[in-house]
Structures are given as C-alpha cells and as structure tokens.
Amino acid sequence: MAIDFKEAIFHRHLEPMAGAVAGGGQAGSIFSSAEVDGIEIRMLQPLIRDNNTLKVWPFPGKAKLYCLTMVISDIANQLVGMMDLNNFAGIGDNEYLPINKTIFYWQGSDSDQKSPNQVHIISSIIKSKERLREAGAILANVKTDSGYKSLMGDLSSIAADAASFTTVTDIAMQLASIVGQYLGKVDDNPLGTVVNSFTRLHGDWDKIGVTPVRMPTRNVDFDFELIVRDYKRPQTEVQMALASDRSPDMTPM
C-alpha cells in the first residue's frame, strides 16, 4: 500500500528565524555574508506525542515506527546519500525517538567557496501495521526502482538550474511515495511530516552559530539545529564595532 503523503500535516518554516544561540549573538548584530565557510543541519530527537495506538490492558499502546528523512540542495551533501530511513520498535506516547545526527554537511575549501543557495528537508514519521523490515534492504529496493531513477534524474537537472528549483518539494514527495510502496502495510497517513527550506535569500546563512528550529505537528514535534560557520565575520565584526565606538577626539589628525 502506497503512503499518501499529501494528506500528512505540514509545517513550513517561513517566519524569520530566531537569533543564533552560540558563536554569534542576536539577528541584526551580524553582518550579512554572501559566502560562508560551513553549514551543518542536525536532526534532534523527535517527540512522539501521540502514536495513534490505543492503550487497552494488557496492551501497552506501543507502536512500530519508521523515520524517513530526505535532504536536497543545489550543492552536494558531503554526507553519503540524500535519503535516510530508520526503524524503531515499541515507541509509546510522549517518548522520543533516539535520533541525534547530522543530516546535511557542507564545508568550503580554498578552491571551492561556493556555499549552497538552498537546502530543503523533508522528514516523516510513519507508523507500521506489520513487523518492521530492515531499513537498508528497503532503500536498496527503492534505488533500483525505475520511477526513483527517473525522479533522481529530474532532481539533477533542477539542481543545475536555480530558476526551477522551486519544484524540488513536489519531486521529493513523489520520491517519498515510492519509499512508501516498499514499506509494506502502513497507516494511510504518516503520524507527522514536515517540509522546511533554508535559503540564502531568506537570510538563513546570515546568522552564524547554532540556531534551533522547532517544527511541531499534531502528533510529532520535530527539532533541528542549523549551524553556520564563517571564520571571516567575527574579526570583521570586532573591527566594525571598534570603528563605531571611536569618538571624534580619538580621530587621528
């Protein structure tokens, strides 16, 4: 049975992000930078607030869950792969999935300082009605699927054409549906699905340090961290601060 991700609950992160909590200070106190030295996105433990499983004695109300995560960018993710699938058994209400990992990583070099323009994340928690299957075997089957190969070709052309990159979410949802076909019998709707875009235009690279990003849905709370490093900017900020604090009497004659 294919999963209908279109019926999932989405939370798009469109509001201005909170100020960085490490290494930078509040938004507005940091100068914009066209290029940065490094970008990392971490996925923290999702909270399963409601697993949609009745708790009736002697059944404890636990659920078997999959976590599907995809990350797509116009710059290659320096981690292996753009899709990840994990399974978890015996998860109850108000329990965290044991996930704390980097899902996107990019670090510039002297020869290549072009940072990403866009990084898109899709993550979904899916409830299984049958025994959990081995996640690696499912992904291996997905990657041999003709529809998957065709969509990946489409993504490659989109990544090379920034003007058409807005269609990436639609293609990613089609990829997720292909994964659903290989999962077996699962709930018609995932417990929670989130779609989030980090972009240079939105100013997400302007705030150095660690910025928390919380994305709640009805049944699952997703938490991420956006980490931006720019080793040039701290020194520039110090110099600008000193210049702004200089009084007229201290101006060299």
C-alpha atoms as a PDB file:
ATOM      1  CA  MET A   1       0.000   0.000   0.000  1.00  0.00           C
ATOM      2  CA  ALA A   2       1.457   3.363  -1.017  1.00  0.00           C
ATOM      3  CA  ILE A   3       1.591   6.141   1.552  1.00  0.00           C
ATOM      4  CA  ASP A   4      -0.374   9.269   0.697  1.00  0.00           C
ATOM      5  CA  PHE A   5       1.976  11.991   1.947  1.00  0.00           C
ATOM      6  CA  LYS A   6      -0.336  14.673   0.546  1.00  0.00           C
ATOM      7  CA  GLU A   7      -2.664  14.027   3.481  1.00  0.00           C
ATOM      8  CA  ALA A   8       0.146  14.490   6.015  1.00  0.00           C
ATOM      9  CA  ILE A   9       0.392  17.515   8.266  1.00  0.00           C
ATOM     10  CA  PHE A  10       2.943  20.029   7.055  1.00  0.00           C
ATOM     11  CA  HIS A  11       4.652  22.881   8.836  1.00  0.00           C
ATOM     12  CA  ARG A  12       6.601  25.188   6.565  1.00  0.00           C
ATOM     13  CA  HIS A  13       9.254  27.329   8.222  1.00  0.00           C
ATOM     14  CA  LEU A  14       8.589  30.745   6.697  1.00  0.00           C
ATOM     15  CA  GLU A  15       8.798  33.110   9.661  1.00  0.00           C
ATOM     16  CA  PRO A  16      12.102  34.862  10.495  1.00  0.00           C
ATOM     17  CA  MET A  17      14.433  32.557  12.369  1.00  0.00           C
ATOM     18  CA  ALA A  18      15.429  33.210  15.975  1.00  0.00           C
ATOM     19  CA  GLY A  19      18.816  34.745  16.727  1.00  0.00           C
ATOM     20  CA  ALA A  20      21.809  32.454  16.900  1.00  0.00           C
ATOM     21  CA  VAL A  21      22.387  30.980  20.335  1.00  0.00           C
ATOM     22  CA  ALA A  22      26.096  30.280  20.018  1.00  0.00           C
ATOM     23  CA  GLY A  23      29.006  31.947  18.315  1.00  0.00           C
ATOM     24  CA  GLY A  24      27.187  34.983  17.025  1.00  0.00           C
ATOM     25  CA  GLY A  25      24.571  36.886  19.074  1.00  0.00           C
ATOM     26  CA  GLN A  26      21.171  38.115  18.003  1.00  0.00           C
ATOM     27  CA  ALA A  27      19.915  38.570  14.469  1.00  0.00           C
ATOM     28  CA  GLY A  28      20.702  42.049  13.222  1.00  0.00           C
ATOM     29  CA  SER A  29      24.036  42.274  15.058  1.00  0.00           C
ATOM     30  CA  ILE A  30      25.759  40.108  12.465  1.00  0.00           C
ATOM     31  CA  PHE A  31      26.686  41.341   9.048  1.00  0.00           C
ATOM     32  CA  SER A  32      25.315  39.543   6.004  1.00  0.00           C
ATOM     33  CA  SER A  33      27.758  37.362   4.114  1.00  0.00           C
ATOM     34  CA  ALA A  34      27.430  36.108   0.551  1.00  0.00           C
ATOM     35  CA  GLU A  35      29.603  33.086   1.313  1.00  0.00           C
ATOM     36  CA  VAL A  36      30.159  31.102   4.496  1.00  0.00           C
ATOM     37  CA  ASP A  37      32.770  28.542   5.499  1.00  0.00           C
ATOM     38  CA  GLY A  38      30.476  25.754   6.627  1.00  0.00           C
ATOM     39  CA  ILE A  39      26.836  24.712   7.052  1.00  0.00           C
ATOM     40  CA  GLU A  40      25.535  21.796   9.098  1.00  0.00           C
ATOM     41  CA  ILE A  41      21.956  20.737   9.835  1.00  0.00           C
ATOM     42  CA  ARG A  42      21.338  18.345  12.706  1.00  0.00           C
ATOM     43  CA  MET A  43      18.162  16.398  13.413  1.00  0.00           C
ATOM     44  CA  LEU A  44      17.447  16.068  17.123  1.00  0.00           C
ATOM     45  CA  GLN A  45      15.165  13.594  18.896  1.00  0.00           C
ATOM     46  CA  PRO A  46      11.588  13.812  17.548  1.00  0.00           C
ATOM     47  CA  LEU A  47       8.950  13.694  20.292  1.00  0.00           C
ATOM     48  CA  ILE A  48       6.093  11.278  19.559  1.00  0.00           C
ATOM     49  CA  ARG A  49       3.261  12.970  21.419  1.00  0.00           C
ATOM     50  CA  ASP A  50       0.571  10.613  20.063  1.00  0.00           C
ATOM     51  CA  ASN A  51       1.364   7.340  18.244  1.00  0.00           C
ATOM     52  CA  ASN A  52      -2.322   6.769  17.379  1.00  0.00           C
ATOM     53  CA  THR A  53      -2.309   3.414  19.193  1.00  0.00           C
ATOM     54  CA  LEU A  54      -4.934   2.564  21.797  1.00  0.00           C
ATOM     55  CA  LYS A  55      -3.646   1.592  25.231  1.00  0.00           C
ATOM     56  CA  VAL A  56      -6.007  -1.143  26.460  1.00  0.00           C
ATOM     57  CA  TRP A  57      -4.875  -3.600  29.142  1.00  0.00           C
ATOM     58  CA  PRO A  58      -2.856  -5.777  28.690  1.00  0.00           C
ATOM     59  CA  PHE A  59      -1.651  -3.996  25.546  1.00  0.00           C
ATOM     60  CA  PRO A  60       0.771  -1.125  26.375  1.00  0.00           C
ATOM     61  CA  GLY A  61      -0.094   1.048  23.364  1.00  0.00           C
ATOM     62  CA  LYS A  62       3.341   0.883  21.761  1.00  0.00           C
ATOM     63  CA  ALA A  63       3.904   1.438  18.025  1.00  0.00           C
ATOM     64  CA  LYS A  64       6.400   0.377  15.374  1.00  0.00           C
ATOM     65  CA  LEU A  65       7.665   3.452  13.534  1.00  0.00           C
ATOM     66  CA  TYR A  66       9.821   4.423  10.582  1.00  0.00           C
ATOM     67  CA  CYS A  67      11.565   7.777  10.217  1.00  0.00           C
ATOM     68  CA  LEU A  68      12.135   8.836   6.611  1.00  0.00           C
ATOM     69  CA  THR A  69      14.332  11.897   6.004  1.00  0.00           C
ATOM     70  CA  MET A  70      15.396  13.472   2.716  1.00  0.00           C
ATOM     71  CA  VAL A  71      17.727  16.437   2.202  1.00  0.00           C
ATOM     72  CA  ILE A  72      18.097  18.092  -1.200  1.00  0.00           C
ATOM     73  CA  SER A  73      20.343  21.024  -2.110  1.00  0.00           C
ATOM     74  CA  ASP A  74      21.946  22.728  -5.092  1.00  0.00           C
ATOM     75  CA  ILE A  75      25.296  21.800  -3.518  1.00  0.00           C
ATOM     76  CA  ALA A  76      26.119  18.151  -2.942  1.00  0.00           C
ATOM     77  CA  ASN A  77      25.668  16.955   0.634  1.00  0.00           C
ATOM     78  CA  GLN A  78      29.128  15.902   1.812  1.00  0.00           C
ATOM     79  CA  LEU A  79      27.479  13.113   3.797  1.00  0.00           C
ATOM     80  CA  VAL A  80      26.658   9.886   1.966  1.00  0.00           C
ATOM     81  CA  GLY A  81      23.239   9.921   0.281  1.00  0.00           C
ATOM     82  CA  MET A  82      20.236  12.268   0.299  1.00  0.00           C
ATOM     83  CA  MET A  83      17.751   9.810   1.811  1.00  0.00           C
ATOM     84  CA  ASP A  84      17.788   8.070   5.196  1.00  0.00           C
ATOM     85  CA  LEU A  85      15.386   5.524   6.704  1.00  0.00           C
ATOM     86  CA  ASN A  86      15.415   4.216  10.281  1.00  0.00           C
ATOM     87  CA  ASN A  87      13.039   1.915  12.155  1.00  0.00           C
ATOM     88  CA  PHE A  88      12.059   1.865  15.829  1.00  0.00           C
ATOM     89  CA  ALA A  89      10.061  -0.702  17.810  1.00  0.00           C
ATOM     90  CA  GLY A  90       7.978  -0.207  20.931  1.00  0.00           C
ATOM     91  CA  ILE A  91       7.514   3.579  20.916  1.00  0.00           C
ATOM     92  CA  GLY A  92       4.798   4.942  23.207  1.00  0.00           C
ATOM     93  CA  ASP A  93       3.130   8.320  23.605  1.00  0.00           C
ATOM     94  CA  ASN A  94       5.353  11.183  24.813  1.00  0.00           C
ATOM     95  CA  GLU A  95       8.511   9.248  24.011  1.00  0.00           C
ATOM     96  CA  TYR A  96      11.485  10.448  21.977  1.00  0.00           C
ATOM     97  CA  LEU A  97      12.951   8.601  19.014  1.00  0.00           C
ATOM     98  CA  PRO A  98      16.676   8.019  19.661  1.00  0.00           C
ATOM     99  CA  ILE A  99      17.849  10.249  16.803  1.00  0.00           C
ATOM    100  CA  ASN A 100      20.610  12.833  17.076  1.00  0.00           C
ATOM    101  CA  LYS A 101      22.560  13.086  13.846  1.00  0.00           C
ATOM    102  CA  THR A 102      23.841  15.374  11.116  1.00  0.00           C
ATOM    103  CA  ILE A 103      21.644  15.177   8.015  1.00  0.00           C
ATOM    104  CA  PHE A 104      23.373  17.877   5.931  1.00  0.00           C
ATOM    105  CA  TYR A 105      27.015  18.891   5.963  1.00  0.00           C
ATOM    106  CA  TRP A 106      28.964  21.252   3.737  1.00  0.00           C
ATOM    107  CA  GLN A 107      32.384  22.757   4.360  1.00  0.00           C
ATOM    108  CA  GLY A 108      34.103  25.059   1.895  1.00  0.00           C
ATOM    109  CA  SER A 109      37.721  24.912   0.844  1.00  0.00           C
ATOM    110  CA  ASP A 110      40.235  27.352  -0.625  1.00  0.00           C
ATOM    111  CA  SER A 111      39.461  26.054  -4.103  1.00  0.00           C
ATOM    112  CA  ASP A 112      35.667  25.912  -3.698  1.00  0.00           C
ATOM    113  CA  GLN A 113      33.999  28.560  -1.527  1.00  0.00           C
ATOM    114  CA  LYS A 114      30.556  28.493  -3.151  1.00  0.00           C
ATOM    115  CA  SER A 115      28.054  27.788  -0.405  1.00  0.00           C
ATOM    116  CA  PRO A 116      24.545  26.371  -1.030  1.00  0.00           C
ATOM    117  CA  ASN A 117      21.771  28.674  -2.155  1.00  0.00           C
ATOM    118  CA  GLN A 118      19.041  26.332  -0.882  1.00  0.00           C
ATOM    119  CA  VAL A 119      18.763  23.290   1.368  1.00  0.00           C
ATOM    120  CA  HIS A 120      15.391  21.509   1.581  1.00  0.00           C
ATOM    121  CA  ILE A 121      14.415  18.992   4.276  1.00  0.00           C
ATOM    122  CA  ILE A 122      11.510  16.553   4.300  1.00  0.00           C
ATOM    123  CA  SER A 123      11.063  14.304   7.325  1.00  0.00           C
ATOM    124  CA  SER A 124       8.189  11.950   8.109  1.00  0.00           C
ATOM    125  CA  ILE A 125       7.334   9.586  10.971  1.00  0.00           C
ATOM    126  CA  ILE A 126       5.388   6.594   9.616  1.00  0.00           C
ATOM    127  CA  LYS A 127       3.518   4.015  11.681  1.00  0.00           C
ATOM    128  CA  SER A 128       3.799   0.382  10.585  1.00  0.00           C
ATOM    129  CA  LYS A 129       0.982  -2.144  10.946  1.00  0.00           C
ATOM    130  CA  GLU A 130       3.235  -5.150  10.360  1.00  0.00           C
ATOM    131  CA  ARG A 131       6.619  -6.248  11.639  1.00  0.00           C
ATOM    132  CA  LEU A 132       9.436  -3.811  10.924  1.00  0.00           C
ATOM    133  CA  ARG A 133      11.542  -4.544   7.880  1.00  0.00           C
ATOM    134  CA  GLU A 134      15.261  -3.895   7.599  1.00  0.00           C
ATOM    135  CA  ALA A 135      15.672  -0.273   6.525  1.00  0.00           C
ATOM    136  CA  GLY A 136      18.777  -0.876   4.415  1.00  0.00           C
ATOM    137  CA  ALA A 137      17.003  -3.527   2.324  1.00  0.00           C
ATOM    138  CA  ILE A 138      14.064  -1.169   1.715  1.00  0.00           C
ATOM    139  CA  LEU A 139      16.345   1.619   0.485  1.00  0.00           C
ATOM    140  CA  ALA A 140      18.236  -0.824  -1.735  1.00  0.00           C
ATOM    141  CA  ASN A 141      14.953  -1.820  -3.407  1.00  0.00           C
ATOM    142  CA  VAL A 142      13.917   1.824  -3.767  1.00  0.00           C
ATOM    143  CA  LYS A 143      17.147   2.720  -5.565  1.00  0.00           C
ATOM    144  CA  THR A 144      16.522   0.037  -8.196  1.00  0.00           C
ATOM    145  CA  ASP A 145      13.009   1.348  -8.892  1.00  0.00           C
ATOM    146  CA  SER A 146      12.646   2.876 -12.366  1.00  0.00           C
ATOM    147  CA  GLY A 147      10.465   5.699 -11.051  1.00  0.00           C
ATOM    148  CA  TYR A 148      13.073   6.556  -8.423  1.00  0.00           C
ATOM    149  CA  LYS A 149      15.835   6.678 -11.039  1.00  0.00           C
ATOM    150  CA  SER A 150      13.742   8.939 -13.269  1.00  0.00           C
ATOM    151  CA  LEU A 151      12.944  11.370 -10.440  1.00  0.00           C
ATOM    152  CA  MET A 152      16.593  11.490  -9.378  1.00  0.00           C
ATOM    153  CA  GLY A 153      17.460  12.480 -12.943  1.00  0.00           C
ATOM    154  CA  ASP A 154      14.913  15.283 -12.715  1.00  0.00           C
ATOM    155  CA  LEU A 155      16.467  16.455  -9.438  1.00  0.00           C
ATOM    156  CA  SER A 156      19.916  16.558 -11.018  1.00  0.00           C
ATOM    157  CA  SER A 157      18.712  18.891 -13.761  1.00  0.00           C
ATOM    158  CA  ILE A 158      16.840  21.080 -11.273  1.00  0.00           C
ATOM    159  CA  ALA A 159      19.893  21.427  -9.055  1.00  0.00           C
ATOM    160  CA  ALA A 160      21.793  22.791 -12.052  1.00  0.00           C
ATOM    161  CA  ASP A 161      19.029  25.304 -12.807  1.00  0.00           C
ATOM    162  CA  ALA A 162      18.347  27.559  -9.822  1.00  0.00           C
ATOM    163  CA  ALA A 163      15.349  29.149 -11.571  1.00  0.00           C
ATOM    164  CA  SER A 164      13.379  25.873 -11.492  1.00  0.00           C
ATOM    165  CA  PHE A 165      14.444  24.766  -8.022  1.00  0.00           C
ATOM    166  CA  THR A 166      11.002  25.584  -6.592  1.00  0.00           C
ATOM    167  CA  THR A 167       9.676  22.240  -7.885  1.00  0.00           C
ATOM    168  CA  VAL A 168      12.032  20.276  -5.644  1.00  0.00           C
ATOM    169  CA  THR A 169       9.406  19.700  -2.937  1.00  0.00           C
ATOM    170  CA  ASP A 170       6.947  18.130  -5.368  1.00  0.00           C
ATOM    171  CA  ILE A 171       9.613  15.742  -6.662  1.00  0.00           C
ATOM    172  CA  ALA A 172      10.737  14.894  -3.130  1.00  0.00           C
ATOM    173  CA  MET A 173       7.170  13.980  -2.165  1.00  0.00           C
ATOM    174  CA  GLN A 174       6.990  11.657  -5.169  1.00  0.00           C
ATOM    175  CA  LEU A 175      10.238  10.043  -4.008  1.00  0.00           C
ATOM    176  CA  ALA A 176       8.754   9.584  -0.533  1.00  0.00           C
ATOM    177  CA  SER A 177       5.712   7.887  -2.039  1.00  0.00           C
ATOM    178  CA  ILE A 178       7.980   5.386  -3.806  1.00  0.00           C
ATOM    179  CA  VAL A 179       9.599   4.576  -0.469  1.00  0.00           C
ATOM    180  CA  GLY A 180       6.106   4.049   0.959  1.00  0.00           C
ATOM    181  CA  GLN A 181       5.377   1.439  -1.683  1.00  0.00           C
ATOM    182  CA  TYR A 182       8.261  -0.686  -0.399  1.00  0.00           C
ATOM    183  CA  LEU A 183       7.473  -0.286   3.298  1.00  0.00           C
ATOM    184  CA  GLY A 184       4.504  -2.657   3.152  1.00  0.00           C
ATOM    185  CA  LYS A 185       1.285  -2.226   5.109  1.00  0.00           C
ATOM    186  CA  VAL A 186       1.411   1.057   6.971  1.00  0.00           C
ATOM    187  CA  ASP A 187      -1.092   3.639   8.132  1.00  0.00           C
ATOM    188  CA  ASP A 188      -2.727   5.565   5.282  1.00  0.00           C
ATOM    189  CA  ASN A 189      -1.300   8.779   6.749  1.00  0.00           C
ATOM    190  CA  PRO A 190       2.065   9.329   8.435  1.00  0.00           C
ATOM    191  CA  LEU A 191       1.935  10.453  12.066  1.00  0.00           C
ATOM    192  CA  GLY A 192       3.665  13.680  11.080  1.00  0.00           C
ATOM    193  CA  THR A 193       5.515  15.140   8.110  1.00  0.00           C
ATOM    194  CA  VAL A 194       7.447  18.405   7.912  1.00  0.00           C
ATOM    195  CA  VAL A 195       8.883  20.308   4.969  1.00  0.00           C
ATOM    196  CA  ASN A 196      11.410  23.058   5.576  1.00  0.00           C
ATOM    197  CA  SER A 197      13.623  25.187   3.336  1.00  0.00           C
ATOM    198  CA  PHE A 198      16.784  27.006   4.366  1.00  0.00           C
ATOM    199  CA  THR A 199      17.847  29.574   1.767  1.00  0.00           C
ATOM    200  CA  ARG A 200      20.441  32.273   1.241  1.00  0.00           C
ATOM    201  CA  LEU A 201      17.663  34.654   0.112  1.00  0.00           C
ATOM    202  CA  HIS A 202      15.799  34.150   3.396  1.00  0.00           C
ATOM    203  CA  GLY A 203      18.969  35.108   5.239  1.00  0.00           C
ATOM    204  CA  ASP A 204      19.491  31.744   6.919  1.00  0.00           C
ATOM    205  CA  TRP A 205      23.259  31.943   6.337  1.00  0.00           C
ATOM    206  CA  ASP A 206      23.459  35.452   7.839  1.00  0.00           C
ATOM    207  CA  LYS A 207      23.328  34.246  11.448  1.00  0.00           C
ATOM    208  CA  ILE A 208      26.473  32.416  12.470  1.00  0.00           C
ATOM    209  CA  GLY A 209      26.357  29.920  15.306  1.00  0.00           C
ATOM    210  CA  VAL A 210      23.651  27.426  16.280  1.00  0.00           C
ATOM    211  CA  THR A 211      20.013  28.289  15.551  1.00  0.00           C
ATOM    212  CA  PRO A 212      17.304  25.947  16.894  1.00  0.00           C
ATOM    213  CA  VAL A 213      14.389  25.184  14.555  1.00  0.00           C
ATOM    214  CA  ARG A 214      11.276  23.595  16.101  1.00  0.00           C
ATOM    215  CA  MET A 215       8.588  22.255  13.771  1.00  0.00           C
ATOM    216  CA  PRO A 216       5.548  20.895  15.658  1.00  0.00           C
ATOM    217  CA  THR A 217       2.799  18.825  14.061  1.00  0.00           C
ATOM    218  CA  ARG A 218      -0.343  17.381  15.648  1.00  0.00           C
ATOM    219  CA  ASN A 219       1.296  14.098  16.669  1.00  0.00           C
ATOM    220  CA  VAL A 220       5.049  14.694  16.410  1.00  0.00           C
ATOM    221  CA  ASP A 221       7.355  17.558  17.396  1.00  0.00           C
ATOM    222  CA  PHE A 222      10.421  17.812  15.144  1.00  0.00           C
ATOM    223  CA  ASP A 223      13.567  19.622  16.266  1.00  0.00           C
ATOM    224  CA  PHE A 224      16.552  20.615  14.147  1.00  0.00           C
ATOM    225  CA  GLU A 225      19.658  22.756  14.538  1.00  0.00           C
ATOM    226  CA  LEU A 226      21.080  24.963  11.786  1.00  0.00           C
ATOM    227  CA  ILE A 227      24.799  25.533  12.324  1.00  0.00           C
ATOM    228  CA  VAL A 228      26.568  28.205  10.246  1.00  0.00           C
ATOM    229  CA  ARG A 229      30.288  28.916  10.476  1.00  0.00           C
ATOM    230  CA  ASP A 230      32.083  31.887   8.947  1.00  0.00           C
ATOM    231  CA  TYR A 231      35.560  32.430  10.347  1.00  0.00           C
ATOM    232  CA  LYS A 232      35.947  35.762   8.492  1.00  0.00           C
ATOM    233  CA  ARG A 233      32.969  37.504  10.067  1.00  0.00           C
ATOM    234  CA  PRO A 234      33.913  37.536  13.778  1.00  0.00           C
ATOM    235  CA  GLN A 235      37.072  39.559  13.065  1.00  0.00           C
ATOM    236  CA  THR A 236      35.162  41.879  10.735  1.00  0.00           C
ATOM    237  CA  GLU A 237      32.536  42.495  13.436  1.00  0.00           C
ATOM    238  CA  VAL A 238      35.204  43.411  16.001  1.00  0.00           C
ATOM    239  CA  GLN A 239      36.774  45.913  13.621  1.00  0.00           C
ATOM    240  CA  MET A 240      33.403  47.491  12.788  1.00  0.00           C
ATOM    241  CA  ALA A 241      32.451  47.701  16.476  1.00  0.00           C
ATOM    242  CA  LEU A 242      35.711  49.467  17.309  1.00  0.00           C
ATOM    243  CA  ALA A 243      35.192  51.898  14.451  1.00  0.00           C
ATOM    244  CA  SER A 244      31.641  52.747  15.563  1.00  0.00           C
ATOM    245  CA  ASP A 245      32.760  53.353  19.182  1.00  0.00           C
ATOM    246  CA  ARG A 246      35.580  55.730  18.239  1.00  0.00           C
ATOM    247  CA  SER A 247      34.910  59.277  19.490  1.00  0.00           C
ATOM    248  CA  PRO A 248      35.758  62.407  17.447  1.00  0.00           C
ATOM    249  CA  ASP A 249      38.583  63.261  19.879  1.00  0.00           C
ATOM    250  CA  MET A 250      40.250  59.941  19.086  1.00  0.00           C
ATOM    251  CA  THR A 251      40.223  60.502  15.342  1.00  0.00           C
ATOM    252  CA  PRO A 252      43.784  60.724  14.016  1.00  0.00           C
ATOM    253  CA  MET A 253      44.776  64.214  12.840  1.00  0.00           C
END
